[in-house]
Amino acid sequence: MNIADLARVGDEELAGEPVGQASGAGARALMRSIMSEERVPEERVPVRRARRRALRRTFVLGAVAAGLAAVLAVTLPVAGPATEYANAAVTLKTGDDFIDVAITDPEADSAAFTEAFKAVGLDAQVRKIPVASQYAGMLFGPATPGSFPPGTGVIVTKAETCASVWCGTVSMPTGYKGRIVFGIGRPAAPGERYAVIAPPGVPEPVPDGLEVRGKSVGEIRAELARRGLKIEYVVMWMKADGTGRGYGVDAQYVKDDWTADRVMLIASDTVQLNVKAGPEVPRDSLPRSRPAPMPSPWWIENE
């Protein structure tokens, strides 16, 4: 509407007109002029208002999204070692200077164990090693080819009660990043030498029901032969305080009347028999046996 096109009406022509009525000639002329103009449809205003609201909403949401992205960029953790990890073979939980280990499937492939230890940040390898059947599934080592700070090392403590095959705690220096090799016991094949005779603090395996200490070598020889077991001898020279040392000796140099001191299974078909040298035998005077070829230590052996 162009205001200049409105009919010119004097005040005197509008005087006395009731509000809302157009009874005077001037008033009627003004009303006709107003009503004859094309009116803007009412729906156009809401459209423009909606567009402005949409623009404002887009701006606000964009600002919120940008703020959220900034928060996420600050608060999301950087990927790093897990504090807990579990698979079909083992469950691990780490603390500041320890790892709780629970072996659930000792027959799982070595790669499954290695995967778990690496997931919690250890440069670890896990090897299956041959042991006596009663120690299958136990944790051995770890061996640590790397170096530790002076006065530190790794301590393995087996739990007293365990719902899995083996569980316990491996304590290590805080932040240790060196290489670690763990052993998981597997039953040795018939005649295969044990990589480890027994875990630390656990008695060595012995033939069932066999007591040897204080008995004559001849008596023990006869019993072991009856059981079909081979013997490797270690002759010991003992001191009065009970300490001593010795080395391997071939069977022909070991007398039947000497005293047996200790026996342990070193394979399913072989024992090591420690005996006390007779009083007439000077220290270190017997020929040393030629030791059987020994495998490399289990922590560097390739299976």
C-alpha atoms as a PDB file:
ATOM      1  CA  MET A   1       0.000   0.000   0.000  1.00  0.00           C
ATOM      2  CA  ASN A   2       1.256   3.458  -0.946  1.00  0.00           C
ATOM      3  CA  ILE A   3       0.335   5.968   1.706  1.00  0.00           C
ATOM      4  CA  ALA A   4       0.413   8.792  -0.847  1.00  0.00           C
ATOM      5  CA  ASP A   5      -2.502   7.198  -2.716  1.00  0.00           C
ATOM      6  CA  LEU A   6      -4.819   7.346   0.264  1.00  0.00           C
ATOM      7  CA  ALA A   7      -7.696   9.804  -0.014  1.00  0.00           C
ATOM      8  CA  ARG A   8      -6.935  13.038   1.770  1.00  0.00           C
ATOM      9  CA  VAL A   9      -9.419  13.531   4.576  1.00  0.00           C
ATOM     10  CA  GLY A  10      -9.622  16.500   6.835  1.00  0.00           C
ATOM     11  CA  ASP A  11     -10.060  16.243  10.583  1.00  0.00           C
ATOM     12  CA  GLU A  12     -13.379  18.013  10.312  1.00  0.00           C
ATOM     13  CA  GLU A  13     -14.726  15.235   8.122  1.00  0.00           C
ATOM     14  CA  LEU A  14     -13.809  12.577  10.692  1.00  0.00           C
ATOM     15  CA  ALA A  15     -15.105  14.405  13.706  1.00  0.00           C
ATOM     16  CA  GLY A  16     -17.908  12.645  15.510  1.00  0.00           C
ATOM     17  CA  GLU A  17     -17.439   9.306  13.735  1.00  0.00           C
ATOM     18  CA  PRO A  18     -17.965   6.414  16.132  1.00  0.00           C
ATOM     19  CA  VAL A  19     -14.978   4.111  16.524  1.00  0.00           C
ATOM     20  CA  GLY A  20     -15.164   1.191  14.059  1.00  0.00           C
ATOM     21  CA  GLN A  21     -17.699   2.886  11.783  1.00  0.00           C
ATOM     22  CA  ALA A  22     -17.279   4.727   8.438  1.00  0.00           C
ATOM     23  CA  SER A  23     -20.437   6.729   8.141  1.00  0.00           C
ATOM     24  CA  GLY A  24     -19.051  10.078   6.963  1.00  0.00           C
ATOM     25  CA  ALA A  25     -18.222  10.726   3.295  1.00  0.00           C
ATOM     26  CA  GLY A  26     -14.570  11.318   4.054  1.00  0.00           C
ATOM     27  CA  ALA A  27     -14.335   8.287   6.257  1.00  0.00           C
ATOM     28  CA  ARG A  28     -15.986   6.099   3.666  1.00  0.00           C
ATOM     29  CA  ALA A  29     -13.546   7.371   1.031  1.00  0.00           C
ATOM     30  CA  LEU A  30     -10.621   6.529   3.276  1.00  0.00           C
ATOM     31  CA  MET A  31     -12.001   3.016   3.992  1.00  0.00           C
ATOM     32  CA  ARG A  32     -12.579   2.321   0.272  1.00  0.00           C
ATOM     33  CA  SER A  33      -9.012   3.409  -0.454  1.00  0.00           C
ATOM     34  CA  ILE A  34      -7.623   1.079   2.223  1.00  0.00           C
ATOM     35  CA  MET A  35      -9.772  -1.890   1.250  1.00  0.00           C
ATOM     36  CA  SER A  36      -9.016  -1.521  -2.462  1.00  0.00           C
ATOM     37  CA  GLU A  37      -5.240  -2.139  -1.924  1.00  0.00           C
ATOM     38  CA  GLU A  38      -3.858  -5.704  -2.382  1.00  0.00           C
ATOM     39  CA  ARG A  39      -3.132  -7.141   1.039  1.00  0.00           C
ATOM     40  CA  VAL A  40      -0.114  -9.258   1.836  1.00  0.00           C
ATOM     41  CA  PRO A  41      -1.289 -12.825   2.561  1.00  0.00           C
ATOM     42  CA  GLU A  42      -1.000 -13.676   6.234  1.00  0.00           C
ATOM     43  CA  GLU A  43       0.851 -16.899   5.523  1.00  0.00           C
ATOM     44  CA  ARG A  44       3.892 -15.060   4.072  1.00  0.00           C
ATOM     45  CA  VAL A  45       4.898 -13.633   7.448  1.00  0.00           C
ATOM     46  CA  PRO A  46       4.994 -16.984   9.266  1.00  0.00           C
ATOM     47  CA  VAL A  47       7.087 -18.431   6.414  1.00  0.00           C
ATOM     48  CA  ARG A  48       9.714 -15.734   6.806  1.00  0.00           C
ATOM     49  CA  ARG A  49       9.589 -16.090  10.596  1.00  0.00           C
ATOM     50  CA  ALA A  50       9.941 -19.894  10.325  1.00  0.00           C
ATOM     51  CA  ARG A  51      12.936 -19.451   8.040  1.00  0.00           C
ATOM     52  CA  ARG A  52      14.549 -17.086  10.527  1.00  0.00           C
ATOM     53  CA  ARG A  53      13.838 -19.560  13.379  1.00  0.00           C
ATOM     54  CA  ALA A  54      15.298 -22.399  11.294  1.00  0.00           C
ATOM     55  CA  LEU A  55      18.435 -20.372  10.647  1.00  0.00           C
ATOM     56  CA  ARG A  56      18.738 -19.578  14.338  1.00  0.00           C
ATOM     57  CA  ARG A  57      18.194 -23.283  15.227  1.00  0.00           C
ATOM     58  CA  THR A  58      20.841 -24.348  12.691  1.00  0.00           C
ATOM     59  CA  PHE A  59      23.293 -21.900  14.179  1.00  0.00           C
ATOM     60  CA  VAL A  60      22.579 -23.051  17.749  1.00  0.00           C
ATOM     61  CA  LEU A  61      22.843 -26.754  16.897  1.00  0.00           C
ATOM     62  CA  GLY A  62      26.031 -26.100  14.976  1.00  0.00           C
ATOM     63  CA  ALA A  63      27.482 -24.335  17.988  1.00  0.00           C
ATOM     64  CA  VAL A  64      26.430 -27.194  20.303  1.00  0.00           C
ATOM     65  CA  ALA A  65      27.920 -29.776  17.950  1.00  0.00           C
ATOM     66  CA  ALA A  66      31.163 -27.835  17.756  1.00  0.00           C
ATOM     67  CA  GLY A  67      31.278 -27.597  21.541  1.00  0.00           C
ATOM     68  CA  LEU A  68      30.573 -31.311  21.935  1.00  0.00           C
ATOM     69  CA  ALA A  69      33.307 -32.130  19.454  1.00  0.00           C
ATOM     70  CA  ALA A  70      35.704 -29.999  21.471  1.00  0.00           C
ATOM     71  CA  VAL A  71      34.714 -31.803  24.684  1.00  0.00           C
ATOM     72  CA  LEU A  72      35.145 -35.218  23.083  1.00  0.00           C
ATOM     73  CA  ALA A  73      38.500 -34.223  21.700  1.00  0.00           C
ATOM     74  CA  VAL A  74      39.618 -33.407  25.244  1.00  0.00           C
ATOM     75  CA  THR A  75      37.995 -36.203  27.235  1.00  0.00           C
ATOM     76  CA  LEU A  76      38.238 -39.288  25.025  1.00  0.00           C
ATOM     77  CA  PRO A  77      41.208 -41.383  26.202  1.00  0.00           C
ATOM     78  CA  VAL A  78      44.105 -42.078  23.911  1.00  0.00           C
ATOM     79  CA  ALA A  79      44.209 -45.765  22.970  1.00  0.00           C
ATOM     80  CA  GLY A  80      46.591 -47.650  25.241  1.00  0.00           C
ATOM     81  CA  PRO A  81      47.030 -50.934  27.116  1.00  0.00           C
ATOM     82  CA  ALA A  82      43.931 -52.427  28.646  1.00  0.00           C
ATOM     83  CA  THR A  83      43.747 -52.801  32.416  1.00  0.00           C
ATOM     84  CA  GLU A  84      41.724 -55.996  32.060  1.00  0.00           C
ATOM     85  CA  TYR A  85      41.681 -58.561  29.293  1.00  0.00           C
ATOM     86  CA  ALA A  86      40.207 -62.020  28.905  1.00  0.00           C
ATOM     87  CA  ASN A  87      39.978 -64.613  26.194  1.00  0.00           C
ATOM     88  CA  ALA A  88      39.381 -68.362  26.152  1.00  0.00           C
ATOM     89  CA  ALA A  89      42.882 -69.065  27.497  1.00  0.00           C
ATOM     90  CA  VAL A  90      43.537 -66.544  30.271  1.00  0.00           C
ATOM     91  CA  THR A  91      42.157 -63.599  32.225  1.00  0.00           C
ATOM     92  CA  LEU A  92      44.447 -60.703  33.150  1.00  0.00           C
ATOM     93  CA  LYS A  93      43.954 -57.704  35.414  1.00  0.00           C
ATOM     94  CA  THR A  94      46.694 -55.133  35.925  1.00  0.00           C
ATOM     95  CA  GLY A  95      47.624 -52.810  38.775  1.00  0.00           C
ATOM     96  CA  ASP A  96      50.482 -50.365  39.258  1.00  0.00           C
ATOM     97  CA  ASP A  97      53.130 -53.053  39.585  1.00  0.00           C
ATOM     98  CA  PHE A  98      51.383 -56.392  39.256  1.00  0.00           C
ATOM     99  CA  ILE A  99      49.261 -58.538  36.971  1.00  0.00           C
ATOM    100  CA  ASP A 100      46.632 -60.932  38.279  1.00  0.00           C
ATOM    101  CA  VAL A 101      46.668 -64.030  36.063  1.00  0.00           C
ATOM    102  CA  ALA A 102      44.012 -66.735  35.851  1.00  0.00           C
ATOM    103  CA  ILE A 103      44.671 -69.547  33.378  1.00  0.00           C
ATOM    104  CA  THR A 104      41.368 -71.004  32.234  1.00  0.00           C
ATOM    105  CA  ASP A 105      42.455 -73.201  29.341  1.00  0.00           C
ATOM    106  CA  PRO A 106      46.065 -74.400  29.505  1.00  0.00           C
ATOM    107  CA  GLU A 107      45.587 -76.366  26.304  1.00  0.00           C
ATOM    108  CA  ALA A 108      44.842 -73.236  24.294  1.00  0.00           C
ATOM    109  CA  ASP A 109      47.315 -72.228  21.623  1.00  0.00           C
ATOM    110  CA  SER A 110      50.328 -70.229  22.830  1.00  0.00           C
ATOM    111  CA  ALA A 111      49.264 -67.343  20.578  1.00  0.00           C
ATOM    112  CA  ALA A 112      46.115 -66.845  22.682  1.00  0.00           C
ATOM    113  CA  PHE A 113      48.213 -66.325  25.814  1.00  0.00           C
ATOM    114  CA  THR A 114      50.658 -64.030  24.024  1.00  0.00           C
ATOM    115  CA  GLU A 115      47.764 -61.957  22.669  1.00  0.00           C
ATOM    116  CA  ALA A 116      46.394 -61.450  26.176  1.00  0.00           C
ATOM    117  CA  PHE A 117      49.687 -60.333  27.725  1.00  0.00           C
ATOM    118  CA  LYS A 118      50.331 -57.931  24.862  1.00  0.00           C
ATOM    119  CA  ALA A 119      46.853 -56.459  25.303  1.00  0.00           C
ATOM    120  CA  VAL A 120      47.802 -55.294  28.814  1.00  0.00           C
ATOM    121  CA  GLY A 121      51.040 -53.742  27.593  1.00  0.00           C
ATOM    122  CA  LEU A 122      53.642 -56.480  28.061  1.00  0.00           C
ATOM    123  CA  ASP A 123      56.174 -57.460  25.435  1.00  0.00           C
ATOM    124  CA  ALA A 124      55.512 -61.083  26.309  1.00  0.00           C
ATOM    125  CA  GLN A 125      55.862 -64.445  24.680  1.00  0.00           C
ATOM    126  CA  VAL A 126      54.242 -67.579  26.046  1.00  0.00           C
ATOM    127  CA  ARG A 127      55.580 -71.042  25.320  1.00  0.00           C
ATOM    128  CA  LYS A 128      54.201 -74.461  26.150  1.00  0.00           C
ATOM    129  CA  ILE A 129      56.848 -76.410  28.024  1.00  0.00           C
ATOM    130  CA  PRO A 130      56.968 -80.141  28.909  1.00  0.00           C
ATOM    131  CA  VAL A 131      56.401 -80.894  32.590  1.00  0.00           C
ATOM    132  CA  ALA A 132      55.166 -83.733  34.780  1.00  0.00           C
ATOM    133  CA  SER A 133      51.452 -84.284  34.281  1.00  0.00           C
ATOM    134  CA  GLN A 134      50.536 -82.943  37.742  1.00  0.00           C
ATOM    135  CA  TYR A 135      52.036 -79.561  36.839  1.00  0.00           C
ATOM    136  CA  ALA A 136      50.315 -79.183  33.470  1.00  0.00           C
ATOM    137  CA  GLY A 137      48.534 -75.863  33.181  1.00  0.00           C
ATOM    138  CA  MET A 138      50.753 -74.102  35.699  1.00  0.00           C
ATOM    139  CA  LEU A 139      52.608 -70.870  35.020  1.00  0.00           C
ATOM    140  CA  PHE A 140      56.420 -71.088  34.922  1.00  0.00           C
ATOM    141  CA  GLY A 141      58.873 -68.238  34.951  1.00  0.00           C
ATOM    142  CA  PRO A 142      58.678 -65.680  33.690  1.00  0.00           C
ATOM    143  CA  ALA A 143      62.134 -65.512  32.203  1.00  0.00           C
ATOM    144  CA  THR A 144      63.311 -61.968  31.629  1.00  0.00           C
ATOM    145  CA  PRO A 145      66.080 -61.721  29.041  1.00  0.00           C
ATOM    146  CA  GLY A 146      66.029 -57.942  29.511  1.00  0.00           C
ATOM    147  CA  SER A 147      67.531 -56.118  32.472  1.00  0.00           C
ATOM    148  CA  PHE A 148      65.791 -54.824  35.579  1.00  0.00           C
ATOM    149  CA  PRO A 149      66.734 -51.877  37.735  1.00  0.00           C
ATOM    150  CA  PRO A 150      69.121 -52.961  40.518  1.00  0.00           C
ATOM    151  CA  GLY A 151      67.400 -54.729  43.377  1.00  0.00           C
ATOM    152  CA  THR A 152      64.231 -55.500  41.437  1.00  0.00           C
ATOM    153  CA  GLY A 153      62.812 -58.530  39.699  1.00  0.00           C
ATOM    154  CA  VAL A 154      59.678 -60.546  39.028  1.00  0.00           C
ATOM    155  CA  ILE A 155      57.880 -62.510  41.733  1.00  0.00           C
ATOM    156  CA  VAL A 156      55.172 -65.078  40.935  1.00  0.00           C
ATOM    157  CA  THR A 157      52.759 -65.965  43.739  1.00  0.00           C
ATOM    158  CA  LYS A 158      50.218 -68.739  43.254  1.00  0.00           C
ATOM    159  CA  ALA A 159      46.835 -68.190  44.859  1.00  0.00           C
ATOM    160  CA  GLU A 160      45.885 -70.593  47.640  1.00  0.00           C
ATOM    161  CA  THR A 161      42.464 -71.242  46.165  1.00  0.00           C
ATOM    162  CA  CYS A 162      41.651 -70.950  42.505  1.00  0.00           C
ATOM    163  CA  ALA A 163      38.524 -71.580  40.460  1.00  0.00           C
ATOM    164  CA  SER A 164      40.562 -71.893  37.272  1.00  0.00           C
ATOM    165  CA  VAL A 165      43.430 -74.234  36.399  1.00  0.00           C
ATOM    166  CA  TRP A 166      45.997 -71.787  37.790  1.00  0.00           C
ATOM    167  CA  CYS A 167      45.733 -68.315  39.232  1.00  0.00           C
ATOM    168  CA  GLY A 168      48.055 -65.964  41.023  1.00  0.00           C
ATOM    169  CA  THR A 169      49.880 -62.661  40.842  1.00  0.00           C
ATOM    170  CA  VAL A 170      52.931 -61.680  38.835  1.00  0.00           C
ATOM    171  CA  SER A 171      54.643 -58.725  40.542  1.00  0.00           C
ATOM    172  CA  MET A 172      57.125 -56.685  38.555  1.00  0.00           C
ATOM    173  CA  PRO A 173      58.886 -53.328  38.700  1.00  0.00           C
ATOM    174  CA  THR A 174      56.616 -50.418  37.881  1.00  0.00           C
ATOM    175  CA  GLY A 175      56.785 -49.482  34.233  1.00  0.00           C
ATOM    176  CA  TYR A 176      58.905 -52.449  33.180  1.00  0.00           C
ATOM    177  CA  LYS A 177      58.961 -52.535  29.368  1.00  0.00           C
ATOM    178  CA  GLY A 178      61.483 -55.289  28.727  1.00  0.00           C
ATOM    179  CA  ARG A 179      60.844 -58.635  27.107  1.00  0.00           C
ATOM    180  CA  ILE A 180      59.197 -61.361  29.201  1.00  0.00           C
ATOM    181  CA  VAL A 181      58.788 -65.052  28.408  1.00  0.00           C
ATOM    182  CA  PHE A 182      56.190 -67.095  30.268  1.00  0.00           C
ATOM    183  CA  GLY A 183      55.927 -70.862  30.273  1.00  0.00           C
ATOM    184  CA  ILE A 184      52.678 -72.794  30.454  1.00  0.00           C
ATOM    185  CA  GLY A 185      53.137 -76.402  31.469  1.00  0.00           C
ATOM    186  CA  ARG A 186      51.967 -79.142  29.120  1.00  0.00           C
ATOM    187  CA  PRO A 187      52.159 -82.883  29.801  1.00  0.00           C
ATOM    188  CA  ALA A 188      55.503 -84.189  28.573  1.00  0.00           C
ATOM    189  CA  ALA A 189      55.455 -86.936  25.979  1.00  0.00           C
ATOM    190  CA  PRO A 190      56.625 -90.401  27.144  1.00  0.00           C
ATOM    191  CA  GLY A 191      60.374 -90.222  27.723  1.00  0.00           C
ATOM    192  CA  GLU A 192      60.546 -86.471  27.037  1.00  0.00           C
ATOM    193  CA  ARG A 193      62.679 -84.619  29.582  1.00  0.00           C
ATOM    194  CA  TYR A 194      60.917 -82.060  31.703  1.00  0.00           C
ATOM    195  CA  ALA A 195      61.847 -78.479  30.910  1.00  0.00           C
ATOM    196  CA  VAL A 196      61.279 -77.613  34.573  1.00  0.00           C
ATOM    197  CA  ILE A 197      61.234 -80.251  37.305  1.00  0.00           C
ATOM    198  CA  ALA A 198      58.655 -78.415  39.429  1.00  0.00           C
ATOM    199  CA  PRO A 199      57.356 -74.898  40.043  1.00  0.00           C
ATOM    200  CA  PRO A 200      59.128 -72.893  42.774  1.00  0.00           C
ATOM    201  CA  GLY A 201      58.103 -74.001  46.239  1.00  0.00           C
ATOM    202  CA  VAL A 202      56.465 -77.197  44.965  1.00  0.00           C
ATOM    203  CA  PRO A 203      57.968 -80.654  45.672  1.00  0.00           C
ATOM    204  CA  GLU A 204      59.711 -82.368  42.778  1.00  0.00           C
ATOM    205  CA  PRO A 205      57.789 -85.228  41.189  1.00  0.00           C
ATOM    206  CA  VAL A 206      58.812 -88.655  42.516  1.00  0.00           C
ATOM    207  CA  PRO A 207      57.796 -92.210  41.632  1.00  0.00           C
ATOM    208  CA  ASP A 208      54.566 -93.013  43.448  1.00  0.00           C
ATOM    209  CA  GLY A 209      55.118 -94.088  47.037  1.00  0.00           C
ATOM    210  CA  LEU A 210      58.901 -94.306  46.783  1.00  0.00           C
ATOM    211  CA  GLU A 211      60.918 -93.224  49.833  1.00  0.00           C
ATOM    212  CA  VAL A 212      64.675 -93.250  49.331  1.00  0.00           C
ATOM    213  CA  ARG A 213      66.377 -91.151  51.996  1.00  0.00           C
ATOM    214  CA  GLY A 214      68.623 -93.247  54.212  1.00  0.00           C
ATOM    215  CA  LYS A 215      68.198 -96.433  52.160  1.00  0.00           C
ATOM    216  CA  SER A 216      71.028 -98.181  50.363  1.00  0.00           C
ATOM    217  CA  VAL A 217      71.686 -97.511  46.700  1.00  0.00           C
ATOM    218  CA  GLY A 218      71.359-101.268  45.997  1.00  0.00           C
ATOM    219  CA  GLU A 219      67.836-101.353  47.442  1.00  0.00           C
ATOM    220  CA  ILE A 220      66.688 -98.335  45.469  1.00  0.00           C
ATOM    221  CA  ARG A 221      68.241 -99.651  42.265  1.00  0.00           C
ATOM    222  CA  ALA A 222      66.264-102.853  42.559  1.00  0.00           C
ATOM    223  CA  GLU A 223      63.002-100.992  43.151  1.00  0.00           C
ATOM    224  CA  LEU A 224      63.508 -98.607  40.247  1.00  0.00           C
ATOM    225  CA  ALA A 225      64.415-101.485  37.926  1.00  0.00           C
ATOM    226  CA  ARG A 226      61.208-103.251  38.958  1.00  0.00           C
ATOM    227  CA  ARG A 227      59.264-100.133  37.951  1.00  0.00           C
ATOM    228  CA  GLY A 228      61.058 -99.920  34.602  1.00  0.00           C
ATOM    229  CA  LEU A 229      62.730 -96.605  35.399  1.00  0.00           C
ATOM    230  CA  LYS A 230      66.171 -95.532  34.226  1.00  0.00           C
ATOM    231  CA  ILE A 231      68.573 -93.828  36.643  1.00  0.00           C
ATOM    232  CA  GLU A 232      70.938 -90.909  36.298  1.00  0.00           C
ATOM    233  CA  TYR A 233      73.261 -90.591  39.308  1.00  0.00           C
ATOM    234  CA  VAL A 234      74.576 -87.531  41.093  1.00  0.00           C
ATOM    235  CA  VAL A 235      77.213 -88.257  43.740  1.00  0.00           C
ATOM    236  CA  MET A 236      77.316 -85.752  46.608  1.00  0.00           C
ATOM    237  CA  TRP A 237      80.125 -85.021  49.066  1.00  0.00           C
ATOM    238  CA  MET A 238      78.452 -83.797  52.237  1.00  0.00           C
ATOM    239  CA  LYS A 239      79.738 -81.637  55.089  1.00  0.00           C
ATOM    240  CA  ALA A 240      78.928 -82.062  58.748  1.00  0.00           C
ATOM    241  CA  ASP A 241      76.414 -79.189  58.589  1.00  0.00           C
ATOM    242  CA  GLY A 242      74.430 -81.010  55.913  1.00  0.00           C
ATOM    243  CA  THR A 243      75.530 -78.892  52.965  1.00  0.00           C
ATOM    244  CA  GLY A 244      77.450 -80.314  50.056  1.00  0.00           C
ATOM    245  CA  ARG A 245      78.019 -80.436  46.346  1.00  0.00           C
ATOM    246  CA  GLY A 246      78.315 -83.055  43.637  1.00  0.00           C
ATOM    247  CA  TYR A 247      78.105 -83.919  39.958  1.00  0.00           C
ATOM    248  CA  GLY A 248      76.932 -86.600  37.580  1.00  0.00           C
ATOM    249  CA  VAL A 249      78.700 -89.980  37.730  1.00  0.00           C
ATOM    250  CA  ASP A 250      78.222 -93.124  35.633  1.00  0.00           C
ATOM    251  CA  ALA A 251      76.518 -96.109  37.279  1.00  0.00           C
ATOM    252  CA  GLN A 252      79.660 -98.311  37.500  1.00  0.00           C
ATOM    253  CA  TYR A 253      81.285 -95.870  39.926  1.00  0.00           C
ATOM    254  CA  VAL A 254      78.318 -95.857  42.340  1.00  0.00           C
ATOM    255  CA  LYS A 255      78.448 -98.593  45.033  1.00  0.00           C
ATOM    256  CA  ASP A 256      75.403-100.471  46.290  1.00  0.00           C
ATOM    257  CA  ASP A 257      76.292 -99.796  49.916  1.00  0.00           C
ATOM    258  CA  TRP A 258      76.341 -96.052  49.527  1.00  0.00           C
ATOM    259  CA  THR A 259      73.357 -94.148  50.908  1.00  0.00           C
ATOM    260  CA  ALA A 260      70.566 -92.738  48.750  1.00  0.00           C
ATOM    261  CA  ASP A 261      69.572 -89.184  49.598  1.00  0.00           C
ATOM    262  CA  ARG A 262      67.012 -87.926  47.120  1.00  0.00           C
ATOM    263  CA  VAL A 263      65.157 -88.963  43.988  1.00  0.00           C
ATOM    264  CA  MET A 264      63.139 -87.010  41.435  1.00  0.00           C
ATOM    265  CA  LEU A 265      61.542 -87.756  38.107  1.00  0.00           C
ATOM    266  CA  ILE A 266      63.201 -85.878  35.266  1.00  0.00           C
ATOM    267  CA  ALA A 267      61.108 -87.613  32.594  1.00  0.00           C
ATOM    268  CA  SER A 268      58.267 -90.091  32.697  1.00  0.00           C
ATOM    269  CA  ASP A 269      60.757 -92.991  32.428  1.00  0.00           C
ATOM    270  CA  THR A 270      63.873 -91.540  34.122  1.00  0.00           C
ATOM    271  CA  VAL A 271      64.851 -90.439  37.619  1.00  0.00           C
ATOM    272  CA  GLN A 272      67.791 -88.528  39.025  1.00  0.00           C
ATOM    273  CA  LEU A 273      69.124 -90.273  42.133  1.00  0.00           C
ATOM    274  CA  ASN A 274      71.340 -88.278  44.470  1.00  0.00           C
ATOM    275  CA  VAL A 275      73.606 -90.444  46.629  1.00  0.00           C
ATOM    276  CA  LYS A 276      76.184 -89.734  49.324  1.00  0.00           C
ATOM    277  CA  ALA A 277      79.706 -90.712  48.429  1.00  0.00           C
ATOM    278  CA  GLY A 278      81.270 -93.317  50.713  1.00  0.00           C
ATOM    279  CA  PRO A 279      83.613 -91.987  53.402  1.00  0.00           C
ATOM    280  CA  GLU A 280      86.573 -93.581  51.629  1.00  0.00           C
ATOM    281  CA  VAL A 281      86.024 -91.563  48.420  1.00  0.00           C
ATOM    282  CA  PRO A 282      87.992 -88.296  48.255  1.00  0.00           C
ATOM    283  CA  ARG A 283      86.026 -85.215  47.196  1.00  0.00           C
ATOM    284  CA  ASP A 284      85.687 -84.758  43.427  1.00  0.00           C
ATOM    285  CA  SER A 285      87.754 -87.876  42.734  1.00  0.00           C
ATOM    286  CA  LEU A 286      85.234 -89.795  40.594  1.00  0.00           C
ATOM    287  CA  PRO A 287      85.136 -89.458  36.807  1.00  0.00           C
ATOM    288  CA  ARG A 288      82.353 -87.229  35.663  1.00  0.00           C
ATOM    289  CA  SER A 289      79.720 -88.727  33.451  1.00  0.00           C
ATOM    290  CA  ARG A 290      79.275 -87.390  29.983  1.00  0.00           C
ATOM    291  CA  PRO A 291      75.970 -85.611  30.296  1.00  0.00           C
ATOM    292  CA  ALA A 292      73.224 -86.381  27.838  1.00  0.00           C
ATOM    293  CA  PRO A 293      72.559 -83.600  25.335  1.00  0.00           C
ATOM    294  CA  MET A 294      70.328 -81.111  27.063  1.00  0.00           C
ATOM    295  CA  PRO A 295      67.762 -79.003  25.284  1.00  0.00           C
ATOM    296  CA  SER A 296      68.113 -75.262  25.306  1.00  0.00           C
ATOM    297  CA  PRO A 297      66.494 -73.509  28.253  1.00  0.00           C
ATOM    298  CA  TRP A 298      62.749 -73.460  27.758  1.00  0.00           C
ATOM    299  CA  TRP A 299      62.590 -69.663  27.401  1.00  0.00           C
ATOM    300  CA  ILE A 300      64.716 -69.685  24.241  1.00  0.00           C
ATOM    301  CA  GLU A 301      63.578 -73.003  22.836  1.00  0.00           C
ATOM    302  CA  ASN A 302      61.556 -72.962  19.623  1.00  0.00           C
ATOM    303  CA  GLU A 303      58.712 -75.384  19.622  1.00  0.00           C
END
